[in-house]
Amino acid sequence: MVEKLAYSAKEVAQMLGLSEWKVRELCYRGEIRSLKAGGRLLIPKAAVDEFLNPAHAIDPWGTHSEQ
C-alpha cells in the first residue's frame, strides 16, 4: 500500500474530528496549508502536522527566530 502524501478536506476533517467545511475554512484562511489541484483541495500530510504542532513548524524564511 502506498503512503499518502496529501489528504482531501474530508479525510482531514475525519482525522481532526471537525466538519469538512471547517477544514476548508481553515485552509482558505491560511491556518492549514493547502493547494488546489483541478477542483480538489489537497492538504499535505506535513500541513496537518504543522497545524497540530505550530511551535514545531518549520519556518523556511527564518522570520520567526527564537531568542
N, C-alpha and C. Protein backbone atom coordinates (compact mmCIF):
# COMPACT_ATOMS: atom_id res chain seq x y z
N MET A 1 0.84 -1.19 0.00
CA MET A 1 0.00 0.00 0.00
C MET A 1 0.88 1.25 0.00
N VAL A 2 0.52 2.21 -0.80
CA VAL A 2 1.28 3.46 -0.93
C VAL A 2 0.85 4.43 0.16
N GLU A 3 1.84 5.04 0.82
CA GLU A 3 1.53 6.04 1.84
C GLU A 3 1.10 7.33 1.17
N LYS A 4 0.03 7.94 1.66
CA LYS A 4 -0.47 9.18 1.09
C LYS A 4 0.43 10.34 1.47
N LEU A 5 0.66 11.22 0.52
CA LEU A 5 1.43 12.44 0.76
C LEU A 5 0.52 13.62 1.05
N ALA A 6 -0.74 13.51 0.61
CA ALA A 6 -1.71 14.59 0.82
C ALA A 6 -3.10 13.98 1.02
N TYR A 7 -3.95 14.74 1.69
CA TYR A 7 -5.29 14.28 2.01
C TYR A 7 -6.32 15.26 1.46
N SER A 8 -7.55 14.76 1.34
CA SER A 8 -8.67 15.63 0.99
C SER A 8 -9.16 16.34 2.25
N ALA A 9 -9.97 17.37 2.07
CA ALA A 9 -10.54 18.08 3.21
C ALA A 9 -11.40 17.13 4.05
N LYS A 10 -12.10 16.23 3.40
CA LYS A 10 -12.95 15.27 4.10
C LYS A 10 -12.11 14.33 4.97
N GLU A 11 -10.98 13.86 4.45
CA GLU A 11 -10.11 12.97 5.23
C GLU A 11 -9.52 13.69 6.43
N VAL A 12 -9.09 14.93 6.23
CA VAL A 12 -8.52 15.70 7.34
C VAL A 12 -9.59 15.99 8.39
N ALA A 13 -10.80 16.28 7.93
CA ALA A 13 -11.90 16.53 8.87
C ALA A 13 -12.14 15.31 9.75
N GLN A 14 -12.12 14.13 9.16
CA GLN A 14 -12.31 12.90 9.93
C GLN A 14 -11.17 12.69 10.93
N MET A 15 -9.94 12.98 10.50
CA MET A 15 -8.78 12.81 11.39
C MET A 15 -8.84 13.76 12.58
N LEU A 16 -9.31 15.00 12.34
CA LEU A 16 -9.30 16.02 13.39
C LEU A 16 -10.60 16.12 14.17
N GLY A 17 -11.63 15.41 13.71
CA GLY A 17 -12.92 15.49 14.39
C GLY A 17 -13.64 16.81 14.13
N LEU A 18 -13.40 17.38 12.94
CA LEU A 18 -14.03 18.64 12.54
C LEU A 18 -14.93 18.38 11.34
N SER A 19 -15.75 19.36 11.00
CA SER A 19 -16.54 19.24 9.79
C SER A 19 -15.64 19.52 8.59
N GLU A 20 -16.04 19.01 7.44
CA GLU A 20 -15.29 19.27 6.22
C GLU A 20 -15.26 20.76 5.92
N TRP A 21 -16.38 21.45 6.17
CA TRP A 21 -16.44 22.89 5.91
C TRP A 21 -15.52 23.68 6.81
N LYS A 22 -15.34 23.25 8.06
CA LYS A 22 -14.42 23.93 8.97
C LYS A 22 -12.99 23.76 8.48
N VAL A 23 -12.65 22.56 8.01
CA VAL A 23 -11.30 22.33 7.48
C VAL A 23 -11.08 23.21 6.25
N ARG A 24 -12.07 23.30 5.37
CA ARG A 24 -11.94 24.16 4.19
C ARG A 24 -11.76 25.63 4.60
N GLU A 25 -12.49 26.06 5.60
CA GLU A 25 -12.36 27.44 6.09
C GLU A 25 -10.95 27.68 6.62
N LEU A 26 -10.43 26.75 7.39
CA LEU A 26 -9.07 26.88 7.92
C LEU A 26 -8.05 26.95 6.79
N CYS A 27 -8.28 26.19 5.73
CA CYS A 27 -7.38 26.23 4.57
C CYS A 27 -7.48 27.57 3.86
N TYR A 28 -8.68 28.04 3.62
CA TYR A 28 -8.87 29.31 2.92
C TYR A 28 -8.29 30.48 3.71
N ARG A 29 -8.32 30.40 5.04
CA ARG A 29 -7.75 31.46 5.89
C ARG A 29 -6.25 31.31 6.06
N GLY A 30 -5.68 30.22 5.56
CA GLY A 30 -4.24 30.01 5.64
C GLY A 30 -3.77 29.37 6.93
N GLU A 31 -4.69 28.90 7.75
CA GLU A 31 -4.30 28.27 9.02
C GLU A 31 -3.82 26.83 8.81
N ILE A 32 -4.28 26.22 7.72
CA ILE A 32 -3.77 24.92 7.29
C ILE A 32 -3.31 25.11 5.85
N ARG A 33 -2.05 24.79 5.57
CA ARG A 33 -1.53 24.91 4.20
C ARG A 33 -2.27 23.93 3.30
N SER A 34 -2.57 24.37 2.10
CA SER A 34 -3.26 23.51 1.15
C SER A 34 -2.96 23.98 -0.26
N LEU A 35 -3.37 23.18 -1.24
CA LEU A 35 -3.22 23.57 -2.62
C LEU A 35 -4.39 23.03 -3.41
N LYS A 36 -4.68 23.69 -4.51
CA LYS A 36 -5.77 23.25 -5.38
C LYS A 36 -5.16 22.48 -6.55
N ALA A 37 -5.75 21.34 -6.84
CA ALA A 37 -5.36 20.53 -8.00
C ALA A 37 -6.64 20.26 -8.77
N GLY A 38 -6.84 20.99 -9.84
CA GLY A 38 -8.12 20.91 -10.54
C GLY A 38 -9.19 21.47 -9.63
N GLY A 39 -10.22 20.70 -9.36
CA GLY A 39 -11.26 21.14 -8.45
C GLY A 39 -11.08 20.63 -7.04
N ARG A 40 -9.98 19.92 -6.77
CA ARG A 40 -9.76 19.32 -5.46
C ARG A 40 -8.88 20.19 -4.58
N LEU A 41 -9.18 20.18 -3.30
CA LEU A 41 -8.35 20.84 -2.30
C LEU A 41 -7.49 19.74 -1.68
N LEU A 42 -6.18 19.85 -1.81
CA LEU A 42 -5.26 18.86 -1.25
C LEU A 42 -4.51 19.46 -0.07
N ILE A 43 -4.40 18.68 0.99
CA ILE A 43 -3.73 19.13 2.20
C ILE A 43 -2.55 18.19 2.45
N PRO A 44 -1.32 18.70 2.32
CA PRO A 44 -0.16 17.85 2.54
C PRO A 44 -0.14 17.27 3.96
N LYS A 45 0.38 16.08 4.08
CA LYS A 45 0.50 15.42 5.39
C LYS A 45 1.25 16.33 6.37
N ALA A 46 2.31 16.96 5.92
CA ALA A 46 3.09 17.84 6.79
C ALA A 46 2.27 19.03 7.28
N ALA A 47 1.31 19.50 6.47
CA ALA A 47 0.49 20.64 6.86
C ALA A 47 -0.42 20.29 8.04
N VAL A 48 -0.89 19.05 8.07
CA VAL A 48 -1.71 18.60 9.20
C VAL A 48 -0.86 18.57 10.46
N ASP A 49 0.37 18.04 10.34
CA ASP A 49 1.29 18.01 11.48
C ASP A 49 1.60 19.42 11.98
N GLU A 50 1.83 20.35 11.06
CA GLU A 50 2.12 21.74 11.44
C GLU A 50 0.94 22.38 12.15
N PHE A 51 -0.27 22.09 11.69
CA PHE A 51 -1.47 22.65 12.31
C PHE A 51 -1.60 22.14 13.74
N LEU A 52 -1.29 20.87 13.95
CA LEU A 52 -1.42 20.29 15.29
C LEU A 52 -0.28 20.68 16.21
N ASN A 53 0.89 21.00 15.65
CA ASN A 53 2.07 21.35 16.44
C ASN A 53 2.70 22.63 15.90
N PRO A 54 2.03 23.77 16.03
CA PRO A 54 2.55 25.01 15.41
C PRO A 54 3.91 25.44 15.94
N ALA A 55 4.25 25.10 17.16
CA ALA A 55 5.55 25.50 17.71
C ALA A 55 6.69 24.76 17.02
N HIS A 56 6.39 23.62 16.41
CA HIS A 56 7.42 22.83 15.75
C HIS A 56 7.41 23.01 14.24
N ALA A 57 6.61 23.92 13.74
CA ALA A 57 6.54 24.15 12.30
C ALA A 57 7.86 24.72 11.80
N ILE A 58 8.25 24.31 10.64
CA ILE A 58 9.49 24.79 10.03
C ILE A 58 9.22 26.13 9.35
N ASP A 59 10.06 27.11 9.62
CA ASP A 59 9.94 28.42 9.01
C ASP A 59 11.06 28.55 7.97
N PRO A 60 10.77 28.26 6.70
CA PRO A 60 11.83 28.25 5.69
C PRO A 60 12.48 29.60 5.45
N TRP A 61 11.84 30.70 5.85
CA TRP A 61 12.39 32.03 5.63
C TRP A 61 13.09 32.58 6.87
N GLY A 62 13.01 31.88 7.98
CA GLY A 62 13.69 32.32 9.18
C GLY A 62 13.14 33.59 9.79
N THR A 63 11.85 33.87 9.58
CA THR A 63 11.26 35.10 10.08
C THR A 63 10.85 35.01 11.54
N HIS A 64 10.81 33.83 12.10
CA HIS A 64 10.41 33.65 13.49
C HIS A 64 11.55 33.06 14.30
N SER A 65 12.65 33.78 14.38
CA SER A 65 13.79 33.27 15.11
C SER A 65 13.51 33.32 16.61
N GLU A 66 13.97 32.26 17.28
CA GLU A 66 13.77 32.18 18.73
C GLU A 66 14.93 32.89 19.42
N GLN A 67 14.61 33.64 20.46
CA GLN A 67 15.66 34.36 21.20
C GLN A 67 15.62 33.99 22.63
